[in-house]
């Protein structure tokens, strides 16, 4: 994930990491951090009709949308006070990996990305913080430098702490599985922000994911647009 100071701007603030943008138009909103939350999203539904309609409106792949909604549902059960919405997860997924489609990746029926989504080496290049390998290359295939992995772009060290297996089969969580990635992101956001239904909580969570106000506004704009599209 880009939120562990992997990116550095000339001002000392990490710039937003933007994957190739999906076709859905997202107006950039000029909002002051900590003052407002995105438009309230309707709760996601596992109903195939709802999924199809929202996927068509938002250009979110239906399989990826299912992962966001499942993570929202699990969060509502386990940590209802968090008030995390699928729209916020989708906004992060859009910004980080174009909903798992970065560099032509495809989401399989089982939720696996092919080819795996792996970010650039965090090797201290201009604009990038140097983060030496923390996982022996197990997740990112790089034994010298860390790289962000999966649809939600977790750094290996962050993944090791917050990862969760979505289907409960006891297998090791996989950052290249969109269900695992979305649920793990939900856990991280809730732990970071507390109540994401409040302005302070929402912004604290998102800016912990990536400590950049520009990133926060990009995610806010997308979450707001997704919520409004699903409500319309």
Protein backbone atom coordinates (compact mmCIF):
# COMPACT_ATOMS: atom_id res chain seq x y z
CA UNK A 1 0.00 0.00 0.00
CA UNK A 2 1.29 3.43 -0.74
CA UNK A 3 0.33 4.62 2.75
CA UNK A 4 3.54 3.69 4.55
CA UNK A 5 5.49 6.70 3.24
CA UNK A 6 6.57 4.85 0.11
CA UNK A 7 6.17 7.97 -2.04
CA UNK A 8 7.73 11.38 -1.46
CA UNK A 9 6.86 14.65 -3.15
CA UNK A 10 8.93 17.81 -3.46
CA UNK A 11 6.96 19.29 -0.57
CA UNK A 12 7.69 16.26 1.61
CA UNK A 13 4.14 14.97 1.08
CA UNK A 14 3.65 11.72 -0.85
CA UNK A 15 1.76 12.36 -4.09
CA UNK A 16 -1.25 10.17 -4.90
CA UNK A 17 -0.42 6.99 -6.76
CA UNK A 18 -2.82 6.77 -9.67
CA UNK A 19 -3.42 3.70 -11.73
CA UNK A 20 -4.83 4.06 -15.21
CA UNK A 21 -8.29 5.56 -14.50
CA UNK A 22 -11.41 3.53 -15.26
CA UNK A 23 -14.01 4.94 -17.67
CA UNK A 24 -16.34 6.20 -14.93
CA UNK A 25 -16.04 9.97 -14.65
CA UNK A 26 -15.06 11.23 -11.20
CA UNK A 27 -15.10 15.02 -10.74
CA UNK A 28 -12.27 16.16 -8.51
CA UNK A 29 -13.76 17.77 -5.40
CA UNK A 30 -11.92 20.46 -3.47
CA UNK A 31 -12.62 19.50 0.13
CA UNK A 32 -10.76 20.35 3.31
CA UNK A 33 -9.50 17.24 5.12
CA UNK A 34 -11.36 16.35 8.26
CA UNK A 35 -14.41 18.53 7.60
CA UNK A 36 -16.82 16.27 5.71
CA UNK A 37 -17.40 12.67 4.64
CA UNK A 38 -18.36 11.49 1.15
CA UNK A 39 -22.02 11.16 0.20
CA UNK A 40 -23.53 8.29 2.20
CA UNK A 41 -23.51 5.13 0.13
CA UNK A 42 -26.47 2.78 0.18
CA UNK A 43 -25.43 -0.56 1.72
CA UNK A 44 -24.13 -2.97 -0.88
CA UNK A 45 -26.22 -5.97 -1.82
CA UNK A 46 -25.23 -9.48 -2.88
CA UNK A 47 -28.24 -9.47 -5.20
CA UNK A 48 -27.03 -10.02 -8.76
CA UNK A 49 -29.42 -7.37 -10.06
CA UNK A 50 -27.99 -4.72 -7.75
CA UNK A 51 -24.44 -5.79 -8.55
CA UNK A 52 -25.03 -5.61 -12.27
CA UNK A 53 -26.68 -2.20 -12.16
CA UNK A 54 -24.00 -0.61 -9.97
CA UNK A 55 -21.16 -2.23 -11.93
CA UNK A 56 -22.61 -0.85 -15.16
CA UNK A 57 -23.01 2.64 -13.71
CA UNK A 58 -19.58 2.84 -12.12
CA UNK A 59 -17.31 0.77 -14.37
CA UNK A 60 -16.28 -1.33 -11.38
CA UNK A 61 -15.78 -4.97 -12.47
CA UNK A 62 -18.62 -6.94 -10.95
CA UNK A 63 -16.25 -9.47 -9.37
CA UNK A 64 -14.34 -6.62 -7.70
CA UNK A 65 -17.55 -4.93 -6.58
CA UNK A 66 -18.57 -8.20 -4.95
CA UNK A 67 -15.34 -8.15 -2.93
CA UNK A 68 -15.94 -4.58 -1.75
CA UNK A 69 -19.53 -5.36 -0.73
CA UNK A 70 -18.53 -8.57 1.06
CA UNK A 71 -15.89 -6.66 3.03
CA UNK A 72 -18.45 -3.99 3.95
CA UNK A 73 -20.92 -6.66 5.08
CA UNK A 74 -18.31 -8.47 7.20
CA UNK A 75 -17.25 -5.17 8.75
CA UNK A 76 -20.84 -4.26 9.62
CA UNK A 77 -21.09 -7.58 11.49
CA UNK A 78 -17.75 -7.52 13.28
CA UNK A 79 -17.14 -3.79 13.84
CA UNK A 80 -20.45 -1.98 13.20
CA UNK A 81 -19.19 1.22 14.82
CA UNK A 82 -16.62 1.58 12.04
CA UNK A 83 -19.33 2.49 9.46
CA UNK A 84 -17.06 1.68 6.53
CA UNK A 85 -18.81 1.62 3.14
CA UNK A 86 -18.11 -0.33 -0.03
CA UNK A 87 -17.82 3.03 -1.82
CA UNK A 88 -14.77 4.01 0.24
CA UNK A 89 -13.14 0.64 -0.44
CA UNK A 90 -13.95 1.04 -4.12
CA UNK A 91 -12.46 4.53 -4.17
CA UNK A 92 -9.18 3.20 -2.77
CA UNK A 93 -9.21 0.26 -5.16
CA UNK A 94 -9.77 2.61 -8.09
CA UNK A 95 -6.91 4.86 -7.05
CA UNK A 96 -4.48 2.06 -6.24
CA UNK A 97 -4.97 -0.42 -9.09
CA UNK A 98 -7.93 0.58 -11.29
CA UNK A 99 -9.94 -2.10 -9.44
CA UNK A 100 -7.35 -4.79 -10.05
CA UNK A 101 -6.99 -4.00 -13.74
CA UNK A 102 -3.56 -2.37 -13.49
CA UNK A 103 -1.37 -3.28 -16.48
CA UNK A 104 -4.08 -5.47 -17.96
CA UNK A 105 -4.66 -7.76 -14.99
CA UNK A 106 -7.90 -9.77 -15.01
CA UNK A 107 -9.91 -10.97 -12.00
CA UNK A 108 -10.75 -14.66 -12.17
CA UNK A 109 -14.00 -16.18 -10.87
CA UNK A 110 -12.09 -17.22 -7.75
CA UNK A 111 -11.01 -13.63 -7.14
CA UNK A 112 -7.38 -14.16 -8.15
CA UNK A 113 -5.60 -11.53 -10.23
CA UNK A 114 -3.81 -12.66 -13.35
CA UNK A 115 -1.12 -11.60 -13.82
CA UNK A 116 -0.44 -10.59 -10.22
CA UNK A 117 -0.48 -6.84 -9.55
CA UNK A 118 2.92 -5.82 -8.20
CA UNK A 119 4.13 -2.25 -7.84
CA UNK A 120 7.49 -0.72 -8.63
CA UNK A 121 10.51 -1.44 -6.41
CA UNK A 122 10.67 0.98 -3.50
CA UNK A 123 14.34 1.60 -4.10
CA UNK A 124 14.78 5.26 -3.30
CA UNK A 125 14.32 6.46 -6.87
CA UNK A 126 13.15 10.09 -7.25
CA UNK A 127 9.79 10.44 -5.49
CA UNK A 128 9.98 6.99 -3.91
CA UNK A 129 11.10 6.07 -0.39
CA UNK A 130 13.62 3.28 -0.08
CA UNK A 131 12.13 0.26 1.72
CA UNK A 132 14.38 -2.77 1.77
CA UNK A 133 12.90 -6.24 1.46
CA UNK A 134 10.91 -7.40 4.49
CA UNK A 135 9.44 -10.69 3.27
CA UNK A 136 12.25 -12.45 1.43
CA UNK A 137 10.39 -11.78 -1.81
CA UNK A 138 7.54 -14.11 -0.81
CA UNK A 139 4.75 -11.70 -1.78
CA UNK A 140 6.40 -9.40 -4.31
CA UNK A 141 9.10 -11.59 -5.87
CA UNK A 142 11.80 -9.04 -4.95
CA UNK A 143 14.47 -10.04 -2.42
CA UNK A 144 16.16 -6.62 -2.47
CA UNK A 145 13.33 -4.05 -2.22
CA UNK A 146 9.72 -4.15 -1.09
CA UNK A 147 6.92 -3.58 -3.60
CA UNK A 148 3.22 -2.96 -3.01
CA UNK A 149 1.09 -5.95 -3.95
CA UNK A 150 -2.45 -6.76 -5.00
CA UNK A 151 -5.55 -4.78 -5.90
CA UNK A 152 -5.34 -2.72 -2.71
CA UNK A 153 -1.54 -2.27 -2.93
CA UNK A 154 -0.35 -3.44 0.46
CA UNK A 155 3.28 -3.31 1.44
CA UNK A 156 4.37 -6.78 2.62
CA UNK A 157 4.99 -5.61 6.19
CA UNK A 158 1.51 -4.05 6.40
CA UNK A 159 -0.05 -7.13 4.85
CA UNK A 160 1.61 -9.37 7.44
CA UNK A 161 -0.19 -7.48 10.21
CA UNK A 162 -3.64 -6.83 8.78
CA UNK A 163 -4.30 -9.58 6.26
CA UNK A 164 -7.40 -11.76 6.59
CA UNK A 165 -8.76 -14.72 4.65
CA UNK A 166 -12.20 -13.76 3.38
CA UNK A 167 -13.74 -17.19 2.77
CA UNK A 168 -12.74 -18.62 6.14
CA UNK A 169 -11.15 -21.78 4.73
CA UNK A 170 -8.08 -21.47 6.93
CA UNK A 171 -5.69 -20.90 4.04
CA UNK A 172 -3.05 -18.18 4.14
CA UNK A 173 -4.47 -14.79 3.06
CA UNK A 174 -3.43 -13.83 -0.46
CA UNK A 175 -2.99 -10.16 -1.47
CA UNK A 176 -3.63 -11.16 -5.10
CA UNK A 177 -7.07 -12.44 -4.11
CA UNK A 178 -9.46 -9.48 -4.29
CA UNK A 179 -11.70 -10.81 -1.50
CA UNK A 180 -8.77 -11.11 0.89
CA UNK A 181 -7.39 -7.75 -0.19
CA UNK A 182 -10.68 -5.88 0.28
CA UNK A 183 -11.33 -7.42 3.71
CA UNK A 184 -7.76 -6.70 4.82
CA UNK A 185 -8.08 -3.09 3.68
CA UNK A 186 -11.33 -2.81 5.64
CA UNK A 187 -9.61 -4.07 8.78
CA UNK A 188 -6.75 -1.62 8.34
CA UNK A 189 -9.05 1.34 7.71
CA UNK A 190 -11.27 0.61 10.69
CA UNK A 191 -8.28 0.18 13.00
CA UNK A 192 -6.78 3.42 11.71
CA UNK A 193 -9.86 5.64 11.68
CA UNK A 194 -12.32 4.26 14.20
CA UNK A 195 -15.66 5.67 13.02
CA UNK A 196 -15.46 6.27 9.28
CA UNK A 197 -18.95 7.74 9.38
CA UNK A 198 -17.43 10.84 10.99
CA UNK A 199 -15.23 13.37 9.16
CA UNK A 200 -12.32 12.93 11.56
CA UNK A 201 -12.50 9.14 11.38
CA UNK A 202 -12.85 8.93 7.59
CA UNK A 203 -9.95 11.26 6.89
CA UNK A 204 -7.74 9.74 9.57
CA UNK A 205 -8.26 6.27 8.04
CA UNK A 206 -7.61 7.31 4.45
CA UNK A 207 -4.62 9.49 5.30
CA UNK A 208 -3.13 6.60 7.27
CA UNK A 209 -3.46 4.50 4.12
CA UNK A 210 -1.50 7.21 2.28
CA UNK A 211 -0.30 10.32 4.10
CA UNK A 212 -1.14 12.79 1.36
CA UNK A 213 -3.97 15.31 1.31
CA UNK A 214 -4.01 15.06 -2.48
CA UNK A 215 -4.52 11.30 -2.18
CA UNK A 216 -7.28 11.84 0.36
CA UNK A 217 -9.13 14.21 -1.98
CA UNK A 218 -8.80 11.75 -4.86
CA UNK A 219 -10.28 8.96 -2.74
CA UNK A 220 -12.97 11.28 -1.36
CA UNK A 221 -14.00 12.32 -4.87
CA UNK A 222 -14.30 8.73 -6.05
CA UNK A 223 -16.17 7.53 -2.94
CA UNK A 224 -18.61 10.42 -3.30
CA UNK A 225 -19.17 9.73 -7.00
CA UNK A 226 -19.70 5.99 -6.45
CA UNK A 227 -22.19 6.59 -3.63
CA UNK A 228 -24.18 9.05 -5.73
CA UNK A 229 -24.19 6.78 -8.78
CA UNK A 230 -25.49 3.84 -6.73
CA UNK A 231 -28.21 6.02 -5.19
CA UNK A 232 -29.37 7.56 -8.46
